[in-house]
């Protein structure tokens, strides 16, 4: 009877092991299916989406870089234009200063001549007035 019990127990254990093996094989198959699904999902959806996002970011960076370069070029052009205008203004201002100095010197010279002539005429007038007064008195 022990032999029969042992045989029955062995058969039950073999059946349990077979069932466990079958369950594990099903689990392995389901995991393999899930992994394949994830790979497909990654390859079909996530990778293209990530690539599209990377392309969009690259495109925006290129556009931004082009805008920055364009702005820098405009700013440089404006600085150069301003520098040229300031240089021209400085030259014109220096020329005006020269003309002012010449005109001021000429005016001062004419004024000195006029003052000298006025003094001379005043001296002559006083002298002739004195002669007339001396002659009359």
Protein backbone atom coordinates (compact mmCIF):
# COMPACT_ATOMS: atom_id res chain seq x y z
CA UNK A 1 0.00 0.00 0.00
CA UNK A 2 2.93 2.36 0.63
CA UNK A 3 4.11 1.73 -2.86
CA UNK A 4 0.73 2.72 -4.23
CA UNK A 5 0.65 5.85 -2.10
CA UNK A 6 4.13 6.74 -3.22
CA UNK A 7 3.19 6.13 -6.85
CA UNK A 8 0.03 8.22 -6.48
CA UNK A 9 1.97 10.99 -4.77
CA UNK A 10 4.61 10.86 -7.53
CA UNK A 11 1.90 11.03 -10.20
CA UNK A 12 0.26 13.98 -8.46
CA UNK A 13 3.60 15.68 -8.15
CA UNK A 14 4.33 15.01 -11.85
CA UNK A 15 0.91 16.40 -12.80
CA UNK A 16 1.57 19.46 -10.60
CA UNK A 17 4.98 19.92 -12.22
CA UNK A 18 3.45 19.52 -15.69
CA UNK A 19 0.79 22.12 -14.84
CA UNK A 20 3.42 24.43 -13.42
CA UNK A 21 5.57 23.93 -16.54
CA UNK A 22 2.56 24.68 -18.75
CA UNK A 23 1.77 27.83 -16.73
CA UNK A 24 5.37 28.98 -16.96
CA UNK A 25 5.39 28.34 -20.72
CA UNK A 26 2.19 30.37 -21.07
CA UNK A 27 3.70 33.16 -18.92
CA UNK A 28 6.87 33.11 -21.06
CA UNK A 29 4.73 33.30 -24.20
CA UNK A 30 2.70 36.20 -22.79
CA UNK A 31 5.85 38.05 -21.71
CA UNK A 32 7.33 37.48 -25.19
CA UNK A 33 4.10 38.82 -26.75
CA UNK A 34 4.16 41.85 -24.40
CA UNK A 35 7.83 42.53 -25.17
CA UNK A 36 7.13 42.25 -28.90
CA UNK A 37 4.20 44.63 -28.47
CA UNK A 38 6.37 47.10 -26.58
CA UNK A 39 9.07 46.88 -29.23
CA UNK A 40 6.48 47.47 -31.93
CA UNK A 41 5.02 50.35 -29.96
CA UNK A 42 8.47 51.83 -29.47
CA UNK A 43 9.45 51.39 -33.09
CA UNK A 44 6.14 52.48 -34.58
CA UNK A 45 5.11 55.27 -32.24
CA UNK A 46 7.65 56.46 -29.72
CA UNK A 47 10.78 56.47 -31.85
CA UNK A 48 9.14 58.33 -34.75
CA UNK A 49 7.60 60.78 -32.28
CA UNK A 50 10.95 61.34 -30.60
CA UNK A 51 12.62 61.77 -33.99
CA UNK A 52 9.91 64.24 -35.06
CA UNK A 53 10.37 66.17 -31.82
CA UNK A 54 14.13 66.21 -32.30
CA UNK A 55 13.67 67.49 -35.85
CA UNK A 56 11.27 70.17 -34.64
CA UNK A 57 13.72 71.29 -31.96
CA UNK A 58 16.55 71.34 -34.50
CA UNK A 59 14.42 73.35 -36.92
CA UNK A 60 13.47 75.85 -34.21
CA UNK A 61 17.09 76.15 -33.11
CA UNK A 62 18.18 76.80 -36.69
CA UNK A 63 15.44 79.41 -37.11
CA UNK A 64 16.41 81.06 -33.83
CA UNK A 65 20.08 81.03 -34.80
CA UNK A 66 19.23 82.60 -38.17
CA UNK A 67 17.14 85.28 -36.45
CA UNK A 68 19.94 86.05 -34.00
CA UNK A 69 22.48 86.26 -36.83
CA UNK A 70 20.17 88.54 -38.83
CA UNK A 71 19.64 90.77 -35.79
CA UNK A 72 23.38 90.90 -35.11
CA UNK A 73 24.04 91.84 -38.74
CA UNK A 74 21.41 94.62 -38.60
CA UNK A 75 22.81 95.91 -35.32
CA UNK A 76 26.36 95.88 -36.71
CA UNK A 77 25.14 97.79 -39.77
CA UNK A 78 23.44 100.37 -37.58
CA UNK A 79 26.58 100.75 -35.44
CA UNK A 80 28.72 101.23 -38.54
CA UNK A 81 26.26 103.75 -39.98
CA UNK A 82 26.17 105.66 -36.71
CA UNK A 83 29.97 105.65 -36.52
CA UNK A 84 30.22 106.98 -40.09
CA UNK A 85 27.68 109.73 -39.36
CA UNK A 86 29.47 110.70 -36.15
CA UNK A 87 32.80 110.81 -37.97
CA UNK A 88 31.27 113.01 -40.69
CA UNK A 89 29.66 115.23 -38.04
CA UNK A 90 33.00 115.59 -36.23
CA UNK A 91 34.70 116.59 -39.49
CA UNK A 92 32.00 119.15 -40.27
CA UNK A 93 32.15 120.48 -36.71
CA UNK A 94 35.94 120.90 -36.97
CA UNK A 95 35.50 122.77 -40.26
CA UNK A 96 32.88 125.05 -38.69
CA UNK A 97 35.26 125.71 -35.79
CA UNK A 98 38.01 126.72 -38.26
CA UNK A 99 35.61 128.99 -40.13
CA UNK A 100 34.46 130.51 -36.85
CA UNK A 101 38.06 131.20 -35.77
CA UNK A 102 38.86 132.83 -39.13
CA UNK A 103 35.65 134.90 -39.04
CA UNK A 104 36.26 135.91 -35.42
CA UNK A 105 39.84 136.95 -36.24
CA UNK A 106 38.67 138.98 -39.25
CA UNK A 107 35.89 140.61 -37.23
CA UNK A 108 38.31 141.45 -34.43
CA UNK A 109 40.77 142.92 -36.94
CA UNK A 110 38.06 145.04 -38.57
CA UNK A 111 36.85 146.13 -35.13
CA UNK A 112 40.37 147.16 -34.15
CA UNK A 113 40.72 149.18 -37.38
CA UNK A 114 37.31 150.79 -36.80
CA UNK A 115 38.19 151.65 -33.19
CA UNK A 116 41.51 153.13 -34.33
CA UNK A 117 39.79 155.16 -37.07
CA UNK A 118 37.10 156.30 -34.64
CA UNK A 119 39.76 157.41 -32.15
CA UNK A 120 41.59 159.24 -34.91
CA UNK A 121 38.43 160.99 -36.12
CA UNK A 122 37.45 161.81 -32.55
CA UNK A 123 40.90 163.23 -31.92
CA UNK A 124 40.65 165.28 -35.14
CA UNK A 125 37.15 166.44 -34.17
CA UNK A 126 38.31 167.48 -30.71
CA UNK A 127 41.32 169.22 -32.21
CA UNK A 128 39.22 171.07 -34.77
CA UNK A 129 36.63 171.93 -32.12
CA UNK A 130 39.41 173.30 -29.96
CA UNK A 131 40.73 175.36 -32.86
CA UNK A 132 37.28 176.75 -33.51
CA UNK A 133 36.78 177.53 -29.87
CA UNK A 134 40.19 179.11 -29.62
CA UNK A 135 39.49 181.14 -32.70
CA UNK A 136 36.12 182.31 -31.46
CA UNK A 137 37.14 183.18 -27.94
